[in-house]
Amino acid sequence: MMYRNAKRIYFILVAAAAISSFLIVCTLGRTVYENRVENRLAAASLNEKVPEYVVRESGSRAAVFRNGDDKPYLFIDIDLALMSEFDKKELSKGIYLDNERELKRFIEDISS
């Protein structure tokens, strides 16, 4: 009888150890996966391009700002009163342009 109880206790302990090991491996695997995803997201956010130019209203004129500077890089001679409400709203939020070619195209479009 004692042999049966010892055998039963042994198998219960082995089963408990196996289940615990399985849970630990699953938890560690999930943690490694989450860390990889987090690292990829962080790397992707570093690769995001910061717009080189921002066109927004400065005083009563449209101005171009470079790389987040607070001082205008260039003023655009345009009558803001002639602009549509949508364009005025976008200008107040800021229009982001990635390069000088886009800036020149924007100035041509807004001036005509």
Protein backbone atom coordinates (compact mmCIF):
# COMPACT_ATOMS: atom_id res chain seq x y z
CA MET A 1 0.00 0.00 0.00
CA MET A 2 2.79 2.42 0.87
CA TYR A 3 4.46 1.65 -2.43
CA ARG A 4 1.30 2.68 -4.31
CA ASN A 5 1.07 5.98 -2.44
CA ALA A 6 4.73 6.75 -3.05
CA LYS A 7 4.33 5.93 -6.73
CA ARG A 8 1.22 8.15 -6.99
CA ILE A 9 2.98 11.04 -5.24
CA TYR A 10 5.99 10.63 -7.54
CA PHE A 11 3.84 10.83 -10.71
CA ILE A 12 1.89 13.82 -9.35
CA LEU A 13 5.18 15.64 -8.68
CA VAL A 14 6.53 14.76 -12.15
CA ALA A 15 3.29 15.96 -13.78
CA ALA A 16 3.35 19.20 -11.75
CA ALA A 17 6.99 19.80 -12.74
CA ALA A 18 6.19 19.16 -16.41
CA ILE A 19 3.22 21.55 -16.37
CA SER A 20 5.25 24.22 -14.55
CA SER A 21 8.10 23.84 -17.04
CA PHE A 22 5.68 24.16 -19.95
CA LEU A 23 4.18 27.35 -18.50
CA ILE A 24 7.61 28.85 -17.90
CA VAL A 25 8.77 28.09 -21.45
CA CYS A 26 5.56 29.59 -22.90
CA THR A 27 5.93 32.73 -20.77
CA LEU A 28 9.57 33.19 -21.74
CA GLY A 29 8.75 32.65 -25.41
CA ARG A 30 6.04 35.25 -25.28
CA THR A 31 8.34 37.72 -23.53
CA VAL A 32 11.04 37.23 -26.18
CA TYR A 33 8.45 37.74 -28.93
CA GLU A 34 7.13 40.95 -27.34
CA ASN A 35 10.67 42.29 -26.96
CA ARG A 36 11.39 41.61 -30.65
CA VAL A 37 8.21 43.39 -31.71
CA GLU A 38 9.02 46.33 -29.42
CA ASN A 39 12.55 46.58 -30.86
CA ARG A 40 11.22 46.51 -34.43
CA LEU A 41 8.71 49.25 -33.65
CA ALA A 42 11.42 51.36 -32.03
CA ALA A 43 13.69 50.90 -35.05
CA ALA A 44 10.85 51.81 -37.39
CA SER A 45 10.11 54.99 -35.47
CA LEU A 46 13.76 56.02 -35.74
CA ASN A 47 13.62 55.59 -39.51
CA GLU A 48 10.65 57.92 -39.87
CA LYS A 49 11.55 60.96 -41.86
CA VAL A 50 11.16 64.36 -40.29
CA PRO A 51 9.83 66.84 -42.85
CA GLU A 52 12.44 69.32 -43.95
CA TYR A 53 10.02 72.21 -44.45
CA VAL A 54 6.83 73.37 -42.77
CA VAL A 55 4.65 76.09 -44.29
CA ARG A 56 2.42 77.87 -41.83
CA GLU A 57 1.02 81.27 -41.04
CA SER A 58 3.36 83.69 -39.32
CA GLY A 59 1.68 86.93 -38.44
CA SER A 60 -0.41 87.74 -41.49
CA ARG A 61 1.92 86.06 -43.98
CA ALA A 62 2.68 82.54 -45.08
CA ALA A 63 6.14 81.49 -43.99
CA VAL A 64 8.40 78.50 -44.57
CA PHE A 65 10.22 77.05 -41.58
CA ARG A 66 13.15 74.62 -41.86
CA ASN A 67 13.67 71.53 -39.72
CA GLY A 68 11.39 72.68 -36.92
CA ASP A 69 13.06 76.09 -36.51
CA ASP A 70 11.03 78.84 -34.88
CA LYS A 71 12.53 81.49 -37.15
CA PRO A 72 11.07 81.67 -40.69
CA TYR A 73 13.38 80.52 -43.47
CA LEU A 74 11.37 82.16 -46.24
CA PHE A 75 8.21 84.26 -46.60
CA ILE A 76 5.72 83.53 -49.38
CA ASP A 77 4.08 86.61 -50.89
CA ILE A 78 0.44 85.58 -51.08
CA ASP A 79 -2.75 87.29 -50.00
CA LEU A 80 -4.17 85.02 -47.30
CA ALA A 81 -7.61 86.61 -47.67
CA LEU A 82 -7.90 85.10 -51.16
CA MET A 83 -7.28 81.57 -49.91
CA SER A 84 -10.10 79.09 -49.36
CA GLU A 85 -11.19 78.24 -45.82
CA PHE A 86 -9.74 74.73 -46.19
CA ASP A 87 -6.34 76.12 -47.25
CA LYS A 88 -6.38 78.60 -44.37
CA LYS A 89 -7.13 75.80 -41.90
CA GLU A 90 -4.34 73.63 -43.32
CA LEU A 91 -1.95 76.57 -43.23
CA SER A 92 -2.76 77.26 -39.59
CA LYS A 93 -2.01 73.59 -38.73
CA GLY A 94 1.11 73.55 -40.89
CA ILE A 95 1.77 71.97 -44.27
CA TYR A 96 4.70 69.55 -44.11
CA LEU A 97 6.99 69.10 -47.12
CA ASP A 98 9.81 66.58 -47.37
CA ASN A 99 12.21 68.29 -49.76
CA GLU A 100 12.94 71.45 -51.71
CA ARG A 101 11.30 70.12 -54.88
CA GLU A 102 7.99 69.71 -53.03
CA LEU A 103 8.41 73.18 -51.53
CA LYS A 104 8.93 74.75 -54.98
CA ARG A 105 5.91 72.90 -56.37
CA PHE A 106 3.80 74.04 -53.41
CA ILE A 107 4.85 77.68 -53.84
CA GLU A 108 4.03 77.51 -57.57
CA ASP A 109 0.63 75.97 -56.85
CA ILE A 110 -0.30 78.42 -54.13
CA SER A 111 0.91 81.45 -56.10
CA SER A 112 -1.17 80.70 -59.20
